[in-house]
């Protein structure tokens, strides 16, 4: 129930905080039961279950939302991850975790990547019990056909559409397309607001920040490394565009050099990052799109919250 509320009322910091607190509590209880040998199947390997994993199948996007949480609107060149590296990384996570409840293949816009079917197959091969959700803005929904459709059906993957203004009038048409193709889908309510959250001064209290952050514990994977959230990986785009030098490399955990077990890794990922001091209270603003022909130059203030 609280997960549905948190999704629907993501701008309500109280609901998000309660949801995150409950998730931490039940995750800790579940880990204790598995580590303590209380699981019903005694022969099951004592490995933890990770709640959520996110991975960018494309860094760039075709929607160019201003205030993009992942800074995809600042990525001007086509940028796709290595499939071979992903195979190594997802296999390594299979050694660390018994399961990952939900795996989000996202971006940017994942449907821009012609290798998306292979990413889906590799994910399902390693984690047969995971929910695989492909997060899209819906602009390319008709690409869900052919080889990609086969991957969705074979791997029991779902497409989750974030419904922004340009696609609101297409909602019913998209739903019919997915239904006709036999694809599990979820289309959000219209998204009319985005949040600014960066504090370039780095003066926030990390513990206070994570209590109201909707991206808290959105464990992120990229190029052999994992972190509590996407920001340590994506801050490079913010730095490049606005000539900043915010470094978060110390938050990246090399999963191939990792010597601790999955329980210790989960405990480490549960702690607020030092880099959380660069986030602050969310400032909600009207959604708008960066137009390529616009004379208005994108500004650092488009991403920085004035709230403290």
Protein backbone atom coordinates (compact mmCIF):
# COMPACT_ATOMS: atom_id res chain seq x y z
CA UNK A 1 0.00 0.00 0.00
CA UNK A 2 2.71 2.48 1.00
CA UNK A 3 4.63 1.73 -2.21
CA UNK A 4 1.60 2.76 -4.26
CA UNK A 5 1.15 5.88 -2.15
CA UNK A 6 4.84 6.76 -2.45
CA UNK A 7 4.62 6.49 -6.24
CA UNK A 8 1.43 8.53 -6.42
CA UNK A 9 2.44 11.19 -3.91
CA UNK A 10 6.18 11.32 -4.52
CA UNK A 11 6.15 15.06 -3.83
CA UNK A 12 4.90 14.40 -0.29
CA UNK A 13 8.06 13.97 1.77
CA UNK A 14 6.13 12.48 4.73
CA UNK A 15 4.66 9.61 2.69
CA UNK A 16 8.02 8.96 1.04
CA UNK A 17 9.75 8.97 4.43
CA UNK A 18 7.25 6.50 5.91
CA UNK A 19 7.54 4.23 2.89
CA UNK A 20 11.34 4.23 3.04
CA UNK A 21 11.33 3.58 6.79
CA UNK A 22 8.98 0.60 6.37
CA UNK A 23 11.07 -0.74 3.52
CA UNK A 24 14.22 -0.54 5.62
CA UNK A 25 12.49 -2.30 8.51
CA UNK A 26 11.11 -5.22 6.52
CA UNK A 27 14.34 -5.56 4.54
CA UNK A 28 16.30 -5.84 7.80
CA UNK A 29 13.90 -8.48 9.15
CA UNK A 30 14.17 -10.45 5.92
CA UNK A 31 17.98 -10.31 5.98
CA UNK A 32 18.05 -11.47 9.59
CA UNK A 33 15.86 -14.47 8.78
CA UNK A 34 18.05 -15.51 5.85
CA UNK A 35 21.36 -14.92 7.57
CA UNK A 36 20.19 -16.64 10.72
CA UNK A 37 19.17 -19.79 8.89
CA UNK A 38 15.46 -19.32 9.57
CA UNK A 39 14.52 -19.73 5.91
CA UNK A 40 12.21 -22.65 5.21
CA UNK A 41 14.62 -24.21 2.74
CA UNK A 42 17.67 -25.00 4.82
CA UNK A 43 19.77 -25.82 1.77
CA UNK A 44 19.29 -22.36 0.27
CA UNK A 45 22.52 -20.39 0.04
CA UNK A 46 22.65 -17.67 2.66
CA UNK A 47 22.63 -14.72 0.31
CA UNK A 48 20.45 -11.64 0.74
CA UNK A 49 17.77 -10.28 -1.54
CA UNK A 50 18.26 -6.79 -2.97
CA UNK A 51 15.08 -4.72 -3.18
CA UNK A 52 15.85 -2.70 -6.31
CA UNK A 53 18.49 -2.28 -9.00
CA UNK A 54 18.57 0.37 -11.72
CA UNK A 55 20.65 0.37 -14.89
CA UNK A 56 20.88 2.82 -17.79
CA UNK A 57 20.43 1.10 -21.15
CA UNK A 58 20.93 4.55 -22.70
CA UNK A 59 22.40 7.67 -21.17
CA UNK A 60 20.77 10.07 -23.61
CA UNK A 61 17.08 10.71 -24.19
CA UNK A 62 14.64 11.84 -26.88
CA UNK A 63 12.35 13.78 -24.54
CA UNK A 64 14.84 16.30 -23.10
CA UNK A 65 12.92 17.10 -19.94
CA UNK A 66 14.21 20.13 -18.12
CA UNK A 67 15.26 19.39 -14.52
CA UNK A 68 15.85 15.71 -15.48
CA UNK A 69 16.73 13.81 -12.29
CA UNK A 70 19.35 11.73 -14.12
CA UNK A 71 20.71 14.67 -16.19
CA UNK A 72 19.86 12.84 -19.42
CA UNK A 73 18.88 16.14 -21.02
CA UNK A 74 22.53 17.20 -20.67
CA UNK A 75 23.82 14.21 -22.68
CA UNK A 76 24.07 15.50 -26.23
CA UNK A 77 25.74 12.51 -27.91
CA UNK A 78 24.41 8.98 -28.29
CA UNK A 79 25.67 6.97 -25.34
CA UNK A 80 24.99 3.27 -24.82
CA UNK A 81 26.55 0.90 -22.27
CA UNK A 82 28.64 -2.11 -23.21
CA UNK A 83 26.54 -5.28 -23.39
CA UNK A 84 29.58 -7.43 -22.63
CA UNK A 85 30.34 -5.41 -19.49
CA UNK A 86 26.71 -5.71 -18.41
CA UNK A 87 26.87 -9.51 -18.79
CA UNK A 88 29.87 -9.61 -16.46
CA UNK A 89 28.26 -7.22 -13.97
CA UNK A 90 24.85 -8.90 -13.76
CA UNK A 91 26.53 -12.31 -13.42
CA UNK A 92 28.62 -10.97 -10.55
CA UNK A 93 25.52 -9.64 -8.80
CA UNK A 94 24.05 -13.12 -9.18
CA UNK A 95 26.95 -14.39 -7.06
CA UNK A 96 26.28 -11.76 -4.37
CA UNK A 97 22.49 -11.78 -4.17
CA UNK A 98 19.98 -14.63 -4.14
CA UNK A 99 17.51 -12.41 -5.96
CA UNK A 100 16.80 -8.80 -6.88
CA UNK A 101 13.10 -8.07 -6.44
CA UNK A 102 12.86 -5.40 -9.14
CA UNK A 103 15.34 -4.56 -11.88
CA UNK A 104 14.73 -1.38 -13.84
CA UNK A 105 16.27 -1.06 -17.30
CA UNK A 106 15.98 2.63 -17.94
CA UNK A 107 17.76 5.78 -19.09
CA UNK A 108 17.67 8.18 -20.75
CA UNK A 109 15.34 6.35 -23.06
CA UNK A 110 15.98 2.58 -23.19
CA UNK A 111 14.00 2.06 -26.42
CA UNK A 112 16.71 4.01 -28.25
CA UNK A 113 19.06 1.05 -27.72
CA UNK A 114 18.73 -1.64 -30.40
CA UNK A 115 20.45 -4.10 -28.05
CA UNK A 116 17.69 -3.79 -25.44
CA UNK A 117 16.45 -7.37 -26.12
CA UNK A 118 19.88 -8.76 -25.21
CA UNK A 119 19.94 -6.76 -21.97
CA UNK A 120 16.54 -8.20 -21.06
CA UNK A 121 17.63 -11.78 -21.84
CA UNK A 122 20.82 -11.47 -19.79
CA UNK A 123 18.93 -10.02 -16.84
CA UNK A 124 16.38 -12.82 -16.85
CA UNK A 125 19.05 -15.52 -17.23
CA UNK A 126 20.76 -14.46 -14.01
CA UNK A 127 17.69 -13.46 -12.00
CA UNK A 128 14.79 -15.74 -13.01
CA UNK A 129 12.53 -14.51 -10.19
CA UNK A 130 13.08 -10.76 -10.56
CA UNK A 131 10.54 -8.28 -11.85
CA UNK A 132 12.07 -6.73 -14.95
CA UNK A 133 10.66 -3.29 -15.70
CA UNK A 134 11.70 -1.24 -18.72
CA UNK A 135 11.10 2.44 -17.95
CA UNK A 136 10.22 4.55 -20.98
CA UNK A 137 8.77 7.94 -21.86
CA UNK A 138 6.57 6.23 -24.46
CA UNK A 139 7.65 8.21 -27.53
CA UNK A 140 8.93 5.03 -29.21
CA UNK A 141 6.24 2.68 -27.94
CA UNK A 142 5.63 1.25 -31.42
CA UNK A 143 9.17 -0.14 -31.37
CA UNK A 144 7.87 -2.75 -28.95
CA UNK A 145 7.52 -5.31 -31.70
CA UNK A 146 9.57 -7.99 -33.44
CA UNK A 147 12.68 -9.11 -31.57
CA UNK A 148 12.05 -6.70 -28.70
CA UNK A 149 8.50 -7.97 -28.27
CA UNK A 150 9.77 -11.55 -28.20
CA UNK A 151 12.22 -10.62 -25.43
CA UNK A 152 9.46 -8.98 -23.38
CA UNK A 153 7.13 -11.97 -23.72
CA UNK A 154 9.79 -14.65 -23.26
CA UNK A 155 11.30 -12.97 -20.20
CA UNK A 156 7.99 -11.82 -18.69
CA UNK A 157 9.22 -8.22 -18.66
CA UNK A 158 6.97 -5.19 -18.22
CA UNK A 159 7.09 -1.74 -19.73
CA UNK A 160 6.46 1.19 -17.40
CA UNK A 161 5.66 4.48 -19.12
CA UNK A 162 6.24 7.80 -17.39
CA UNK A 163 3.48 9.91 -18.92
CA UNK A 164 4.78 13.38 -19.78
CA UNK A 165 2.77 16.11 -21.52
CA UNK A 166 3.72 15.24 -25.13
CA UNK A 167 2.28 11.72 -24.72
CA UNK A 168 -0.82 12.32 -22.58
CA UNK A 169 -3.08 12.24 -25.64
CA UNK A 170 -1.50 8.90 -26.62
CA UNK A 171 -2.17 7.13 -23.32
CA UNK A 172 -5.13 5.03 -24.50
CA UNK A 173 -3.46 4.26 -27.81
CA UNK A 174 -0.31 3.06 -26.02
CA UNK A 175 -2.31 0.91 -23.63
CA UNK A 176 -4.14 -0.73 -26.55
CA UNK A 177 -0.86 -1.38 -28.34
CA UNK A 178 0.69 -3.07 -25.30
CA UNK A 179 -2.49 -5.06 -24.62
CA UNK A 180 -2.75 -6.22 -28.22
CA UNK A 181 0.86 -7.35 -28.12
CA UNK A 182 0.31 -9.20 -24.84
CA UNK A 183 2.85 -7.10 -22.94
CA UNK A 184 2.44 -6.32 -19.26
CA UNK A 185 2.42 -2.56 -18.84
CA UNK A 186 1.85 0.31 -16.45
CA UNK A 187 1.30 3.91 -17.49
CA UNK A 188 1.64 6.59 -14.83
CA UNK A 189 -0.73 9.43 -14.22
CA UNK A 190 0.30 12.58 -16.10
CA UNK A 191 3.58 13.91 -14.74
CA UNK A 192 3.17 17.66 -14.53
CA UNK A 193 5.97 18.53 -12.11
CA UNK A 194 9.67 17.76 -11.76
CA UNK A 195 11.94 18.34 -8.79
CA UNK A 196 15.13 20.34 -8.49
CA UNK A 197 17.37 18.92 -5.79
CA UNK A 198 21.04 19.82 -6.24
CA UNK A 199 22.89 21.88 -3.63
CA UNK A 200 26.18 22.84 -5.30
CA UNK A 201 27.54 24.18 -2.02
CA UNK A 202 27.54 20.68 -0.52
CA UNK A 203 26.26 21.90 2.85
CA UNK A 204 23.28 19.57 3.39
CA UNK A 205 23.02 17.04 6.20
CA UNK A 206 23.16 13.59 4.48
CA UNK A 207 21.01 11.92 7.16
CA UNK A 208 18.24 14.47 6.77
CA UNK A 209 18.41 14.35 2.98
CA UNK A 210 17.94 10.60 2.61
CA UNK A 211 14.82 10.59 4.80
CA UNK A 212 12.86 12.47 2.13
CA UNK A 213 14.69 11.50 -1.06
CA UNK A 214 12.51 9.53 -3.54
CA UNK A 215 15.70 8.11 -5.08
CA UNK A 216 16.97 6.85 -1.74
CA UNK A 217 18.10 3.23 -2.00
CA UNK A 218 17.62 3.22 -5.81
CA UNK A 219 20.71 1.05 -6.04
CA UNK A 220 22.43 1.81 -9.33
CA UNK A 221 24.77 -0.29 -11.48
CA UNK A 222 27.18 1.01 -14.10
CA UNK A 223 30.38 -0.26 -15.65
CA UNK A 224 31.36 -2.71 -12.92
CA UNK A 225 30.37 -0.48 -10.01
CA UNK A 226 27.38 -0.08 -7.73
CA UNK A 227 26.19 2.78 -5.52
CA UNK A 228 23.26 3.73 -3.33
CA UNK A 229 21.73 5.96 -6.02
CA UNK A 230 22.40 7.17 -9.60
CA UNK A 231 23.88 10.56 -8.68
CA UNK A 232 27.55 9.46 -8.24
CA UNK A 233 27.46 8.08 -11.79
CA UNK A 234 25.52 10.90 -13.45
CA UNK A 235 27.08 13.94 -11.77
CA UNK A 236 29.72 13.97 -14.52
CA UNK A 237 27.13 15.32 -16.97
CA UNK A 238 26.22 18.13 -14.59
CA UNK A 239 29.91 18.93 -14.03
CA UNK A 240 30.69 19.02 -17.73
CA UNK A 241 27.75 21.23 -18.66
CA UNK A 242 28.16 23.75 -15.84
CA UNK A 243 31.92 23.59 -15.30
CA UNK A 244 31.72 22.17 -11.78
CA UNK A 245 34.06 19.67 -10.15
CA UNK A 246 31.82 17.78 -7.74
CA UNK A 247 33.53 14.43 -7.15
CA UNK A 248 31.59 11.38 -5.95
CA UNK A 249 33.94 8.64 -7.14
CA UNK A 250 34.49 7.45 -3.57
CA UNK A 251 30.85 6.32 -3.47
CA UNK A 252 31.36 3.80 -6.30
CA UNK A 253 31.83 0.21 -5.13
CA UNK A 254 33.73 -2.09 -7.50
CA UNK A 255 31.65 -5.27 -7.45
CA UNK A 256 34.41 -7.32 -9.07
CA UNK A 257 36.92 -6.47 -6.34
CA UNK A 258 34.38 -6.80 -3.58
CA UNK A 259 35.50 -9.08 -0.75
CA UNK A 260 32.52 -8.60 1.58
CA UNK A 261 29.39 -10.73 1.35
CA UNK A 262 26.00 -9.53 0.16
CA UNK A 263 24.73 -8.78 3.66
CA UNK A 264 27.65 -6.46 4.35
CA UNK A 265 27.21 -4.85 0.95
CA UNK A 266 23.53 -4.18 1.63
CA UNK A 267 24.44 -2.64 4.98
CA UNK A 268 26.95 -0.38 3.27
CA UNK A 269 24.44 0.63 0.61
CA UNK A 270 21.90 1.45 3.32
CA UNK A 271 24.11 4.17 4.80
CA UNK A 272 23.74 7.78 3.65
CA UNK A 273 26.49 8.72 1.24
CA UNK A 274 28.84 11.56 1.99
CA UNK A 275 27.80 12.84 -1.43
CA UNK A 276 24.24 13.29 -0.15
CA UNK A 277 25.41 16.66 1.11
CA UNK A 278 25.05 17.85 -2.51
CA UNK A 279 21.31 17.14 -2.41
CA UNK A 280 18.73 19.14 -0.54
CA UNK A 281 14.98 19.53 -0.09
CA UNK A 282 13.08 18.96 -3.30
CA UNK A 283 11.80 22.06 -5.03
CA UNK A 284 8.87 21.14 -7.27
CA UNK A 285 8.44 23.08 -10.49
CA UNK A 286 6.25 22.75 -13.57
CA UNK A 287 7.45 20.18 -16.07
CA UNK A 288 8.80 21.63 -19.27
CA UNK A 289 10.81 20.43 -22.21
CA UNK A 290 14.12 21.75 -23.50
CA UNK A 291 13.52 22.65 -27.12
CA UNK A 292 16.56 22.27 -29.42
CA UNK A 293 15.64 25.48 -31.27
CA UNK A 294 15.00 27.49 -28.12
CA UNK A 295 17.06 30.64 -27.59
CA UNK A 296 16.92 30.06 -23.87
CA UNK A 297 20.11 28.49 -22.57
CA UNK A 298 19.80 25.79 -19.94
CA UNK A 299 21.02 27.06 -16.58
CA UNK A 300 22.51 25.52 -13.47
CA UNK A 301 19.48 26.88 -11.60
CA UNK A 302 17.30 24.49 -13.61
CA UNK A 303 18.69 21.69 -11.43
CA UNK A 304 19.53 23.42 -8.15
CA UNK A 305 16.96 23.75 -5.40
CA UNK A 306 16.75 26.97 -3.46
CA UNK A 307 15.30 25.13 -0.46
CA UNK A 308 17.50 24.22 2.51
